[in-house]
Amino acid sequence: MDNLTGRHDLVLIYDAPDQTTAEIVCATLQAAGIEAVVQHQHRGPASGMLPYLGLADSRGVLVSESDEGAAHALLQALEPTEEELAAEAEDDETTLEQAEAAARLQ
């Protein structure tokens, strides 16, 4: 949301590895009523070269200090627990060999 631009009370809530992830996290926060903005959202076409130059290409998601607690709580609630990940792995009947064969075909 643009009304956060230029404010000085913003805190980094999520350091996204790429633009798409940053936009998804930002949209998730906004959908929950938390004002958020993507840091460095208007990089030029050469931004893809940053990792090759040893520079980070991450894009932070910023929220106001007053929304920091709610934003952290929301993002943590969305992360799967170890138990959920283990249950998902148990339910997946794909063997390692099948997964490797499928990966080779791609």
Protein backbone atom coordinates (compact mmCIF):
# COMPACT_ATOMS: atom_id res chain seq x y z
CA MET A 1 0.00 0.00 0.00
CA ASP A 2 1.39 3.35 -0.97
CA ASN A 3 0.51 5.19 2.25
CA LEU A 4 3.46 3.43 3.92
CA THR A 5 5.95 4.89 1.47
CA GLY A 6 8.17 7.50 3.08
CA ARG A 7 7.36 6.53 6.66
CA HIS A 8 10.19 6.14 9.12
CA ASP A 9 8.57 3.68 11.54
CA LEU A 10 8.75 0.70 9.17
CA VAL A 11 10.33 -2.59 10.19
CA LEU A 12 11.45 -5.54 8.11
CA ILE A 13 9.01 -8.37 8.73
CA TYR A 14 10.10 -10.80 6.01
CA ASP A 15 13.21 -11.02 3.84
CA ALA A 16 11.99 -12.63 0.62
CA PRO A 17 14.40 -14.40 -1.73
CA ASP A 18 12.69 -12.98 -4.83
CA GLN A 19 10.07 -10.52 -6.06
CA THR A 20 7.28 -13.08 -6.41
CA THR A 21 7.63 -14.34 -2.84
CA ALA A 22 7.77 -10.77 -1.53
CA GLU A 23 4.57 -9.88 -3.36
CA ILE A 24 2.78 -12.99 -2.05
CA VAL A 25 3.79 -12.26 1.54
CA CYS A 26 2.85 -8.60 1.14
CA ALA A 27 -0.56 -9.51 -0.34
CA THR A 28 -1.17 -12.01 2.46
CA LEU A 29 -0.52 -9.36 5.09
CA GLN A 30 -2.67 -6.83 3.25
CA ALA A 31 -5.53 -9.34 2.96
CA ALA A 32 -5.43 -9.67 6.75
CA GLY A 33 -5.74 -5.90 7.12
CA ILE A 34 -2.06 -5.23 7.84
CA GLU A 35 -0.53 -2.46 5.76
CA ALA A 36 2.61 -3.76 4.09
CA VAL A 37 4.96 -2.71 1.31
CA VAL A 38 7.68 -4.48 -0.67
CA GLN A 39 11.11 -2.91 -0.28
CA HIS A 40 13.02 -2.42 -3.54
CA GLN A 41 9.99 -3.31 -5.65
CA HIS A 42 11.05 -1.16 -8.59
CA ARG A 43 14.45 -2.54 -9.52
CA GLY A 44 15.64 -2.36 -13.07
CA PRO A 45 16.31 -5.15 -15.52
CA ALA A 46 19.89 -5.56 -14.30
CA SER A 47 18.73 -6.71 -10.85
CA GLY A 48 19.06 -10.31 -12.01
CA MET A 49 22.81 -9.79 -12.08
CA LEU A 50 23.04 -8.90 -8.38
CA PRO A 51 23.68 -12.47 -7.14
CA TYR A 52 26.49 -12.86 -9.70
CA LEU A 53 28.10 -9.71 -8.34
CA GLY A 54 27.95 -11.07 -4.79
CA LEU A 55 25.08 -8.80 -3.84
CA ALA A 56 21.74 -9.86 -2.37
CA ASP A 57 18.69 -9.82 -4.59
CA SER A 58 16.24 -10.20 -1.73
CA ARG A 59 13.28 -7.94 -1.25
CA GLY A 60 12.08 -7.18 2.21
CA VAL A 61 8.46 -6.84 3.22
CA LEU A 62 7.95 -3.89 5.55
CA VAL A 63 5.17 -3.10 8.02
CA SER A 64 4.76 -0.33 10.56
CA GLU A 65 6.15 -0.93 14.05
CA SER A 66 2.63 -0.99 15.45
CA ASP A 67 1.71 -3.93 13.16
CA GLU A 68 4.92 -5.90 13.72
CA GLY A 69 3.50 -8.31 16.31
CA ALA A 70 0.37 -9.08 14.31
CA ALA A 71 2.39 -9.58 11.12
CA HIS A 72 4.82 -11.99 12.82
CA ALA A 73 1.90 -13.93 14.33
CA LEU A 74 0.15 -14.21 10.98
CA LEU A 75 3.24 -15.37 9.10
CA GLN A 76 4.12 -17.91 11.81
CA ALA A 77 0.57 -19.28 11.75
CA LEU A 78 0.91 -19.88 8.01
CA GLU A 79 4.12 -21.91 8.33
CA PRO A 80 3.53 -25.67 8.54
CA THR A 81 4.57 -27.36 11.78
CA GLU A 82 7.02 -30.27 11.89
CA GLU A 83 4.07 -32.58 12.58
CA GLU A 84 2.21 -31.33 9.51
CA LEU A 85 5.28 -31.81 7.32
CA ALA A 86 5.84 -35.31 8.70
CA ALA A 87 2.18 -36.26 8.12
CA GLU A 88 2.39 -34.96 4.56
CA ALA A 89 5.54 -36.98 3.92
CA GLU A 90 3.86 -40.11 5.32
CA ASP A 91 0.83 -39.62 3.08
CA ASP A 92 2.98 -39.25 -0.03
CA GLU A 93 3.34 -42.70 -1.58
CA THR A 94 5.98 -41.56 -4.09
CA THR A 95 9.26 -43.39 -3.59
CA LEU A 96 12.63 -41.71 -3.84
CA GLU A 97 13.32 -43.59 -7.06
CA GLN A 98 10.04 -42.40 -8.59
CA ALA A 99 10.78 -38.81 -7.62
CA GLU A 100 14.28 -38.97 -9.07
CA ALA A 101 12.97 -40.48 -12.32
CA ALA A 102 10.34 -37.76 -12.60
CA ALA A 103 12.96 -35.07 -11.97
CA ARG A 104 15.16 -36.48 -14.75
CA LEU A 105 12.26 -36.24 -17.21
CA GLN A 106 11.80 -32.54 -16.59
